[in-house]
mmCIF file of all heavy atoms, coordinates in Angstrom:
data_MODEL
# 
_entry.id   MODEL 
# 
loop_
_atom_site.group_PDB 
_atom_site.id 
_atom_site.type_symbol 
_atom_site.label_atom_id 
_atom_site.label_alt_id 
_atom_site.label_comp_id 
_atom_site.label_asym_id 
_atom_site.label_entity_id 
_atom_site.label_seq_id 
_atom_site.pdbx_PDB_ins_code 
_atom_site.Cartn_x 
_atom_site.Cartn_y 
_atom_site.Cartn_z 
_atom_site.occupancy 
_atom_site.B_iso_or_equiv 
_atom_site.pdbx_formal_charge 
_atom_site.auth_seq_id 
_atom_site.auth_comp_id 
_atom_site.auth_asym_id 
_atom_site.auth_atom_id 
_atom_site.pdbx_PDB_model_num 
ATOM 1   N N   . CYS A 1 1  ? 7.995  20.827 -0.883 1.00 0.00 ? 1  CYS A N   1 
ATOM 2   C CA  . CYS A 1 1  ? 9.122  20.258 -0.141 1.00 0.00 ? 1  CYS A CA  1 
ATOM 3   C C   . CYS A 1 1  ? 8.758  19.151 0.844  1.00 0.00 ? 1  CYS A C   1 
ATOM 4   O O   . CYS A 1 1  ? 9.544  18.232 1.056  1.00 0.00 ? 1  CYS A O   1 
ATOM 5   C CB  . CYS A 1 1  ? 9.851  21.364 0.620  1.00 0.00 ? 1  CYS A CB  1 
ATOM 6   S SG  . CYS A 1 1  ? 10.366 22.752 -0.421 1.00 0.00 ? 1  CYS A SG  1 
ATOM 7   N N   . THR A 1 2  ? 7.599  19.260 1.473  1.00 0.00 ? 2  THR A N   1 
ATOM 8   C CA  . THR A 1 2  ? 7.310  18.343 2.578  1.00 0.00 ? 2  THR A CA  1 
ATOM 9   C C   . THR A 1 2  ? 6.971  16.927 2.121  1.00 0.00 ? 2  THR A C   1 
ATOM 10  O O   . THR A 1 2  ? 6.865  16.029 2.960  1.00 0.00 ? 2  THR A O   1 
ATOM 11  C CB  . THR A 1 2  ? 6.194  18.882 3.490  1.00 0.00 ? 2  THR A CB  1 
ATOM 12  O OG1 . THR A 1 2  ? 5.009  19.071 2.708  1.00 0.00 ? 2  THR A OG1 1 
ATOM 13  C CG2 . THR A 1 2  ? 6.618  20.178 4.148  1.00 0.00 ? 2  THR A CG2 1 
ATOM 14  N N   . GLY A 1 3  ? 6.838  16.709 0.826  1.00 0.00 ? 3  GLY A N   1 
ATOM 15  C CA  . GLY A 1 3  ? 6.685  15.343 0.344  1.00 0.00 ? 3  GLY A CA  1 
ATOM 16  C C   . GLY A 1 3  ? 7.886  14.491 0.729  1.00 0.00 ? 3  GLY A C   1 
ATOM 17  O O   . GLY A 1 3  ? 7.762  13.316 1.050  1.00 0.00 ? 3  GLY A O   1 
ATOM 18  N N   . CYS A 1 4  ? 9.066  15.092 0.700  1.00 0.00 ? 4  CYS A N   1 
ATOM 19  C CA  . CYS A 1 4  ? 10.303 14.399 1.111  1.00 0.00 ? 4  CYS A CA  1 
ATOM 20  C C   . CYS A 1 4  ? 10.761 14.865 2.488  1.00 0.00 ? 4  CYS A C   1 
ATOM 21  O O   . CYS A 1 4  ? 11.231 14.080 3.298  1.00 0.00 ? 4  CYS A O   1 
ATOM 22  C CB  . CYS A 1 4  ? 11.421 14.653 0.100  1.00 0.00 ? 4  CYS A CB  1 
ATOM 23  S SG  . CYS A 1 4  ? 11.068 13.993 -1.544 1.00 0.00 ? 4  CYS A SG  1 
ATOM 24  N N   . HIS A 1 5  ? 10.639 16.191 2.740  1.00 0.00 ? 5  HIS A N   1 
ATOM 25  C CA  . HIS A 1 5  ? 11.108 16.785 3.988  1.00 0.00 ? 5  HIS A CA  1 
ATOM 26  C C   . HIS A 1 5  ? 9.983  16.829 5.020  1.00 0.00 ? 5  HIS A C   1 
ATOM 27  O O   . HIS A 1 5  ? 9.801  17.815 5.724  1.00 0.00 ? 5  HIS A O   1 
ATOM 28  C CB  . HIS A 1 5  ? 11.642 18.198 3.733  1.00 0.00 ? 5  HIS A CB  1 
ATOM 29  C CG  . HIS A 1 5  ? 12.888 18.227 2.921  1.00 0.00 ? 5  HIS A CG  1 
ATOM 30  N ND1 . HIS A 1 5  ? 14.135 18.152 3.481  1.00 0.00 ? 5  HIS A ND1 1 
ATOM 31  C CD2 . HIS A 1 5  ? 13.075 18.326 1.569  1.00 0.00 ? 5  HIS A CD2 1 
ATOM 32  C CE1 . HIS A 1 5  ? 15.049 18.206 2.525  1.00 0.00 ? 5  HIS A CE1 1 
ATOM 33  N NE2 . HIS A 1 5  ? 14.430 18.306 1.347  1.00 0.00 ? 5  HIS A NE2 1 
ATOM 34  N N   . GLY A 1 6  ? 9.199  15.749 5.060  1.00 0.00 ? 6  GLY A N   1 
ATOM 35  C CA  . GLY A 1 6  ? 8.097  15.654 6.005  1.00 0.00 ? 6  GLY A CA  1 
ATOM 36  C C   . GLY A 1 6  ? 8.403  14.643 7.085  1.00 0.00 ? 6  GLY A C   1 
ATOM 37  O O   . GLY A 1 6  ? 9.559  14.348 7.378  1.00 0.00 ? 6  GLY A O   1 
ATOM 38  N N   . SER A 1 7  ? 7.342  14.101 7.641  1.00 0.00 ? 7  SER A N   1 
ATOM 39  C CA  . SER A 1 7  ? 7.503  13.095 8.672  1.00 0.00 ? 7  SER A CA  1 
ATOM 40  C C   . SER A 1 7  ? 6.674  11.889 8.270  1.00 0.00 ? 7  SER A C   1 
ATOM 41  O O   . SER A 1 7  ? 5.452  11.992 8.196  1.00 0.00 ? 7  SER A O   1 
ATOM 42  C CB  . SER A 1 7  ? 7.032  13.631 10.010 1.00 0.00 ? 7  SER A CB  1 
ATOM 43  O OG  . SER A 1 7  ? 7.204  12.676 11.023 1.00 0.00 ? 7  SER A OG  1 
ATOM 44  N N   . PRO A 1 8  ? 7.306  10.800 7.927  1.00 0.00 ? 8  PRO A N   1 
ATOM 45  C CA  . PRO A 1 8  ? 8.745  10.536 7.986  1.00 0.00 ? 8  PRO A CA  1 
ATOM 46  C C   . PRO A 1 8  ? 9.454  11.123 6.763  1.00 0.00 ? 8  PRO A C   1 
ATOM 47  O O   . PRO A 1 8  ? 8.849  11.401 5.737  1.00 0.00 ? 8  PRO A O   1 
ATOM 48  C CB  . PRO A 1 8  ? 8.821  9.007  7.966  1.00 0.00 ? 8  PRO A CB  1 
ATOM 49  C CG  . PRO A 1 8  ? 7.624  8.597  7.164  1.00 0.00 ? 8  PRO A CG  1 
ATOM 50  C CD  . PRO A 1 8  ? 6.551  9.613  7.489  1.00 0.00 ? 8  PRO A CD  1 
ATOM 51  N N   . LEU A 1 9  ? 10.765 11.301 6.924  1.00 0.00 ? 9  LEU A N   1 
ATOM 52  C CA  . LEU A 1 9  ? 11.603 11.756 5.822  1.00 0.00 ? 9  LEU A CA  1 
ATOM 53  C C   . LEU A 1 9  ? 11.608 10.687 4.734  1.00 0.00 ? 9  LEU A C   1 
ATOM 54  O O   . LEU A 1 9  ? 11.602 9.497  5.028  1.00 0.00 ? 9  LEU A O   1 
ATOM 55  C CB  . LEU A 1 9  ? 13.035 12.004 6.308  1.00 0.00 ? 9  LEU A CB  1 
ATOM 56  C CG  . LEU A 1 9  ? 13.218 13.124 7.328  1.00 0.00 ? 9  LEU A CG  1 
ATOM 57  C CD1 . LEU A 1 9  ? 14.626 13.092 7.900  1.00 0.00 ? 9  LEU A CD1 1 
ATOM 58  C CD2 . LEU A 1 9  ? 12.930 14.478 6.707  1.00 0.00 ? 9  LEU A CD2 1 
ATOM 59  N N   . THR A 1 10 ? 11.610 11.111 3.465  1.00 0.00 ? 10 THR A N   1 
ATOM 60  C CA  . THR A 1 10 ? 11.688 10.163 2.369  1.00 0.00 ? 10 THR A CA  1 
ATOM 61  C C   . THR A 1 10 ? 12.739 10.618 1.363  1.00 0.00 ? 10 THR A C   1 
ATOM 62  O O   . THR A 1 10 ? 13.202 11.772 1.414  1.00 0.00 ? 10 THR A O   1 
ATOM 63  C CB  . THR A 1 10 ? 10.328 10.014 1.651  1.00 0.00 ? 10 THR A CB  1 
ATOM 64  O OG1 . THR A 1 10 ? 9.932  11.274 1.118  1.00 0.00 ? 10 THR A OG1 1 
ATOM 65  C CG2 . THR A 1 10 ? 9.252  9.490  2.584  1.00 0.00 ? 10 THR A CG2 1 
ATOM 66  N N   . ASN A 1 11 ? 13.112 9.741  0.456  1.00 0.00 ? 11 ASN A N   1 
ATOM 67  C CA  . ASN A 1 11 ? 14.069 10.038 -0.618 1.00 0.00 ? 11 ASN A CA  1 
ATOM 68  C C   . ASN A 1 11 ? 15.378 10.635 -0.101 1.00 0.00 ? 11 ASN A C   1 
ATOM 69  O O   . ASN A 1 11 ? 15.947 11.532 -0.720 1.00 0.00 ? 11 ASN A O   1 
ATOM 70  C CB  . ASN A 1 11 ? 13.439 10.961 -1.660 1.00 0.00 ? 11 ASN A CB  1 
ATOM 71  C CG  . ASN A 1 11 ? 12.291 10.296 -2.369 1.00 0.00 ? 11 ASN A CG  1 
ATOM 72  O OD1 . ASN A 1 11 ? 12.302 9.098  -2.590 1.00 0.00 ? 11 ASN A OD1 1 
ATOM 73  N ND2 . ASN A 1 11 ? 11.275 11.070 -2.717 1.00 0.00 ? 11 ASN A ND2 1 
ATOM 74  N N   . ASN A 1 12 ? 15.833 10.143 1.020  1.00 0.00 ? 12 ASN A N   1 
ATOM 75  C CA  . ASN A 1 12 ? 17.105 10.568 1.635  1.00 0.00 ? 12 ASN A CA  1 
ATOM 76  C C   . ASN A 1 12 ? 17.143 12.035 2.045  1.00 0.00 ? 12 ASN A C   1 
ATOM 77  O O   . ASN A 1 12 ? 18.214 12.623 2.174  1.00 0.00 ? 12 ASN A O   1 
ATOM 78  C CB  . ASN A 1 12 ? 18.290 10.266 0.708  1.00 0.00 ? 12 ASN A CB  1 
ATOM 79  C CG  . ASN A 1 12 ? 18.433 8.790  0.469  1.00 0.00 ? 12 ASN A CG  1 
ATOM 80  O OD1 . ASN A 1 12 ? 18.296 7.994  1.397  1.00 0.00 ? 12 ASN A OD1 1 
ATOM 81  N ND2 . ASN A 1 12 ? 18.688 8.410  -0.773 1.00 0.00 ? 12 ASN A ND2 1 
ATOM 82  N N   . ALA A 1 13 ? 15.997 12.659 2.255  1.00 0.00 ? 13 ALA A N   1 
ATOM 83  C CA  . ALA A 1 13 ? 15.971 14.039 2.750  1.00 0.00 ? 13 ALA A CA  1 
ATOM 84  C C   . ALA A 1 13 ? 16.628 14.069 4.127  1.00 0.00 ? 13 ALA A C   1 
ATOM 85  O O   . ALA A 1 13 ? 16.317 13.233 4.982  1.00 0.00 ? 13 ALA A O   1 
ATOM 86  C CB  . ALA A 1 13 ? 14.540 14.546 2.826  1.00 0.00 ? 13 ALA A CB  1 
ATOM 87  N N   . PRO A 1 14 ? 17.544 15.019 4.366  1.00 0.00 ? 14 PRO A N   1 
ATOM 88  C CA  . PRO A 1 14 ? 18.293 15.019 5.623  1.00 0.00 ? 14 PRO A CA  1 
ATOM 89  C C   . PRO A 1 14 ? 17.603 15.723 6.795  1.00 0.00 ? 14 PRO A C   1 
ATOM 90  O O   . PRO A 1 14 ? 18.049 15.601 7.928  1.00 0.00 ? 14 PRO A O   1 
ATOM 91  C CB  . PRO A 1 14 ? 19.579 15.750 5.250  1.00 0.00 ? 14 PRO A CB  1 
ATOM 92  C CG  . PRO A 1 14 ? 19.183 16.661 4.137  1.00 0.00 ? 14 PRO A CG  1 
ATOM 93  C CD  . PRO A 1 14 ? 18.102 15.949 3.388  1.00 0.00 ? 14 PRO A CD  1 
ATOM 94  N N   . PHE A 1 15 ? 16.544 16.491 6.543  1.00 0.00 ? 15 PHE A N   1 
ATOM 95  C CA  . PHE A 1 15 ? 15.887 17.210 7.633  1.00 0.00 ? 15 PHE A CA  1 
ATOM 96  C C   . PHE A 1 15 ? 14.431 17.486 7.261  1.00 0.00 ? 15 PHE A C   1 
ATOM 97  O O   . PHE A 1 15 ? 14.061 17.518 6.094  1.00 0.00 ? 15 PHE A O   1 
ATOM 98  C CB  . PHE A 1 15 ? 16.604 18.522 7.970  1.00 0.00 ? 15 PHE A CB  1 
ATOM 99  C CG  . PHE A 1 15 ? 16.959 19.354 6.763  1.00 0.00 ? 15 PHE A CG  1 
ATOM 100 C CD1 . PHE A 1 15 ? 16.025 20.171 6.141  1.00 0.00 ? 15 PHE A CD1 1 
ATOM 101 C CD2 . PHE A 1 15 ? 18.244 19.314 6.240  1.00 0.00 ? 15 PHE A CD2 1 
ATOM 102 C CE1 . PHE A 1 15 ? 16.355 20.928 5.028  1.00 0.00 ? 15 PHE A CE1 1 
ATOM 103 C CE2 . PHE A 1 15 ? 18.587 20.077 5.129  1.00 0.00 ? 15 PHE A CE2 1 
ATOM 104 C CZ  . PHE A 1 15 ? 17.622 20.886 4.514  1.00 0.00 ? 15 PHE A CZ  1 
ATOM 105 N N   . GLU A 1 16 ? 13.604 17.680 8.299  1.00 0.00 ? 16 GLU A N   1 
ATOM 106 C CA  . GLU A 1 16 ? 12.194 18.020 8.109  1.00 0.00 ? 16 GLU A CA  1 
ATOM 107 C C   . GLU A 1 16 ? 12.039 19.523 7.891  1.00 0.00 ? 16 GLU A C   1 
ATOM 108 O O   . GLU A 1 16 ? 12.841 20.316 8.400  1.00 0.00 ? 16 GLU A O   1 
ATOM 109 C CB  . GLU A 1 16 ? 11.374 17.604 9.336  1.00 0.00 ? 16 GLU A CB  1 
ATOM 110 C CG  . GLU A 1 16 ? 11.280 16.119 9.522  1.00 0.00 ? 16 GLU A CG  1 
ATOM 111 C CD  . GLU A 1 16 ? 10.452 15.724 10.739 1.00 0.00 ? 16 GLU A CD  1 
ATOM 112 O OE1 . GLU A 1 16 ? 10.009 16.618 11.506 1.00 0.00 ? 16 GLU A OE1 1 
ATOM 113 O OE2 . GLU A 1 16 ? 10.244 14.519 10.922 1.00 0.00 ? 16 GLU A OE2 1 
ATOM 114 N N   . LEU A 1 17 ? 11.012 19.893 7.150  1.00 0.00 ? 17 LEU A N   1 
ATOM 115 C CA  . LEU A 1 17 ? 10.665 21.305 6.934  1.00 0.00 ? 17 LEU A CA  1 
ATOM 116 C C   . LEU A 1 17 ? 9.179  21.491 7.226  1.00 0.00 ? 17 LEU A C   1 
ATOM 117 O O   . LEU A 1 17 ? 8.410  21.973 6.395  1.00 0.00 ? 17 LEU A O   1 
ATOM 118 C CB  . LEU A 1 17 ? 10.991 21.726 5.494  1.00 0.00 ? 17 LEU A CB  1 
ATOM 119 C CG  . LEU A 1 17 ? 12.466 21.729 5.115  1.00 0.00 ? 17 LEU A CG  1 
ATOM 120 C CD1 . LEU A 1 17 ? 12.644 22.033 3.644  1.00 0.00 ? 17 LEU A CD1 1 
ATOM 121 C CD2 . LEU A 1 17 ? 13.239 22.728 5.970  1.00 0.00 ? 17 LEU A CD2 1 
ATOM 122 N N   . LEU A 1 18 ? 8.781  21.111 8.435  1.00 0.00 ? 18 LEU A N   1 
ATOM 123 C CA  . LEU A 1 18 ? 7.374  21.139 8.820  1.00 0.00 ? 18 LEU A CA  1 
ATOM 124 C C   . LEU A 1 18 ? 7.002  22.305 9.721  1.00 0.00 ? 18 LEU A C   1 
ATOM 125 O O   . LEU A 1 18 ? 5.833  22.687 9.770  1.00 0.00 ? 18 LEU A O   1 
ATOM 126 C CB  . LEU A 1 18 ? 6.999  19.823 9.510  1.00 0.00 ? 18 LEU A CB  1 
ATOM 127 C CG  . LEU A 1 18 ? 7.120  18.578 8.637  1.00 0.00 ? 18 LEU A CG  1 
ATOM 128 C CD1 . LEU A 1 18 ? 6.914  17.325 9.473  1.00 0.00 ? 18 LEU A CD1 1 
ATOM 129 C CD2 . LEU A 1 18 ? 6.131  18.636 7.490  1.00 0.00 ? 18 LEU A CD2 1 
ATOM 130 N N   . THR A 1 19 ? 7.961  22.845 10.433 1.00 0.00 ? 19 THR A N   1 
ATOM 131 C CA  . THR A 1 19 ? 7.659  23.912 11.383 1.00 0.00 ? 19 THR A CA  1 
ATOM 132 C C   . THR A 1 19 ? 8.485  25.156 11.068 1.00 0.00 ? 19 THR A C   1 
ATOM 133 O O   . THR A 1 19 ? 9.502  25.085 10.369 1.00 0.00 ? 19 THR A O   1 
ATOM 134 C CB  . THR A 1 19 ? 7.981  23.478 12.828 1.00 0.00 ? 19 THR A CB  1 
ATOM 135 O OG1 . THR A 1 19 ? 9.401  23.321 12.954 1.00 0.00 ? 19 THR A OG1 1 
ATOM 136 C CG2 . THR A 1 19 ? 7.269  22.186 13.198 1.00 0.00 ? 19 THR A CG2 1 
ATOM 137 N N   . TYR A 1 20 ? 8.045  26.271 11.621 1.00 0.00 ? 20 TYR A N   1 
ATOM 138 C CA  . TYR A 1 20 ? 8.800  27.507 11.458 1.00 0.00 ? 20 TYR A CA  1 
ATOM 139 C C   . TYR A 1 20 ? 10.229 27.326 11.965 1.00 0.00 ? 20 TYR A C   1 
ATOM 140 O O   . TYR A 1 20 ? 11.182 27.732 11.298 1.00 0.00 ? 20 TYR A O   1 
ATOM 141 C CB  . TYR A 1 20 ? 8.118  28.661 12.205 1.00 0.00 ? 20 TYR A CB  1 
ATOM 142 C CG  . TYR A 1 20 ? 9.021  29.866 12.333 1.00 0.00 ? 20 TYR A CG  1 
ATOM 143 C CD1 . TYR A 1 20 ? 9.227  30.706 11.248 1.00 0.00 ? 20 TYR A CD1 1 
ATOM 144 C CD2 . TYR A 1 20 ? 9.688  30.141 13.523 1.00 0.00 ? 20 TYR A CD2 1 
ATOM 145 C CE1 . TYR A 1 20 ? 10.078 31.799 11.345 1.00 0.00 ? 20 TYR A CE1 1 
ATOM 146 C CE2 . TYR A 1 20 ? 10.536 31.223 13.624 1.00 0.00 ? 20 TYR A CE2 1 
ATOM 147 C CZ  . TYR A 1 20 ? 10.720 32.049 12.538 1.00 0.00 ? 20 TYR A CZ  1 
ATOM 148 O OH  . TYR A 1 20 ? 11.576 33.125 12.635 1.00 0.00 ? 20 TYR A OH  1 
ATOM 149 N N   . ALA A 1 21 ? 10.397 26.708 13.123 1.00 0.00 ? 21 ALA A N   1 
ATOM 150 C CA  . ALA A 1 21 ? 11.739 26.533 13.702 1.00 0.00 ? 21 ALA A CA  1 
ATOM 151 C C   . ALA A 1 21 ? 12.641 25.725 12.773 1.00 0.00 ? 21 ALA A C   1 
ATOM 152 O O   . ALA A 1 21 ? 13.817 26.074 12.578 1.00 0.00 ? 21 ALA A O   1 
ATOM 153 C CB  . ALA A 1 21 ? 11.639 25.851 15.071 1.00 0.00 ? 21 ALA A CB  1 
ATOM 154 N N   . GLN A 1 22 ? 12.116 24.675 12.191 1.00 0.00 ? 22 GLN A N   1 
ATOM 155 C CA  . GLN A 1 22 ? 12.913 23.851 11.273 1.00 0.00 ? 22 GLN A CA  1 
ATOM 156 C C   . GLN A 1 22 ? 13.296 24.633 10.016 1.00 0.00 ? 22 GLN A C   1 
ATOM 157 O O   . GLN A 1 22 ? 14.444 24.582 9.564  1.00 0.00 ? 22 GLN A O   1 
ATOM 158 C CB  . GLN A 1 22 ? 12.127 22.599 10.878 1.00 0.00 ? 22 GLN A CB  1 
ATOM 159 C CG  . GLN A 1 22 ? 11.918 21.631 12.018 1.00 0.00 ? 22 GLN A CG  1 
ATOM 160 C CD  . GLN A 1 22 ? 10.873 20.568 11.700 1.00 0.00 ? 22 GLN A CD  1 
ATOM 161 O OE1 . GLN A 1 22 ? 10.028 20.719 10.817 1.00 0.00 ? 22 GLN A OE1 1 
ATOM 162 N NE2 . GLN A 1 22 ? 10.937 19.464 12.457 1.00 0.00 ? 22 GLN A NE2 1 
ATOM 163 N N   . VAL A 1 23 ? 12.349 25.364 9.456  1.00 0.00 ? 23 VAL A N   1 
ATOM 164 C CA  . VAL A 1 23 ? 12.605 26.144 8.239  1.00 0.00 ? 23 VAL A CA  1 
ATOM 165 C C   . VAL A 1 23 ? 13.559 27.288 8.536  1.00 0.00 ? 23 VAL A C   1 
ATOM 166 O O   . VAL A 1 23 ? 14.494 27.551 7.774  1.00 0.00 ? 23 VAL A O   1 
ATOM 167 C CB  . VAL A 1 23 ? 11.279 26.646 7.630  1.00 0.00 ? 23 VAL A CB  1 
ATOM 168 C CG1 . VAL A 1 23 ? 11.528 27.572 6.458  1.00 0.00 ? 23 VAL A CG1 1 
ATOM 169 C CG2 . VAL A 1 23 ? 10.409 25.464 7.210  1.00 0.00 ? 23 VAL A CG2 1 
ATOM 170 N N   . ASN A 1 24 ? 13.355 27.948 9.649  1.00 0.00 ? 24 ASN A N   1 
ATOM 171 C CA  . ASN A 1 24 ? 14.237 29.049 10.055 1.00 0.00 ? 24 ASN A CA  1 
ATOM 172 C C   . ASN A 1 24 ? 15.681 28.561 10.165 1.00 0.00 ? 24 ASN A C   1 
ATOM 173 O O   . ASN A 1 24 ? 16.612 29.213 9.687  1.00 0.00 ? 24 ASN A O   1 
ATOM 174 C CB  . ASN A 1 24 ? 13.746 29.627 11.381 1.00 0.00 ? 24 ASN A CB  1 
ATOM 175 C CG  . ASN A 1 24 ? 14.553 30.808 11.841 1.00 0.00 ? 24 ASN A CG  1 
ATOM 176 O OD1 . ASN A 1 24 ? 14.945 31.660 11.052 1.00 0.00 ? 24 ASN A OD1 1 
ATOM 177 N ND2 . ASN A 1 24 ? 14.805 30.873 13.138 1.00 0.00 ? 24 ASN A ND2 1 
# 
């Protein structure tokens, strides 16, 4: 997931999924 949902976001991903808080 973090290929797009990383920092920076790519491919129009709307949110990051890098931390527990973000995934939660």
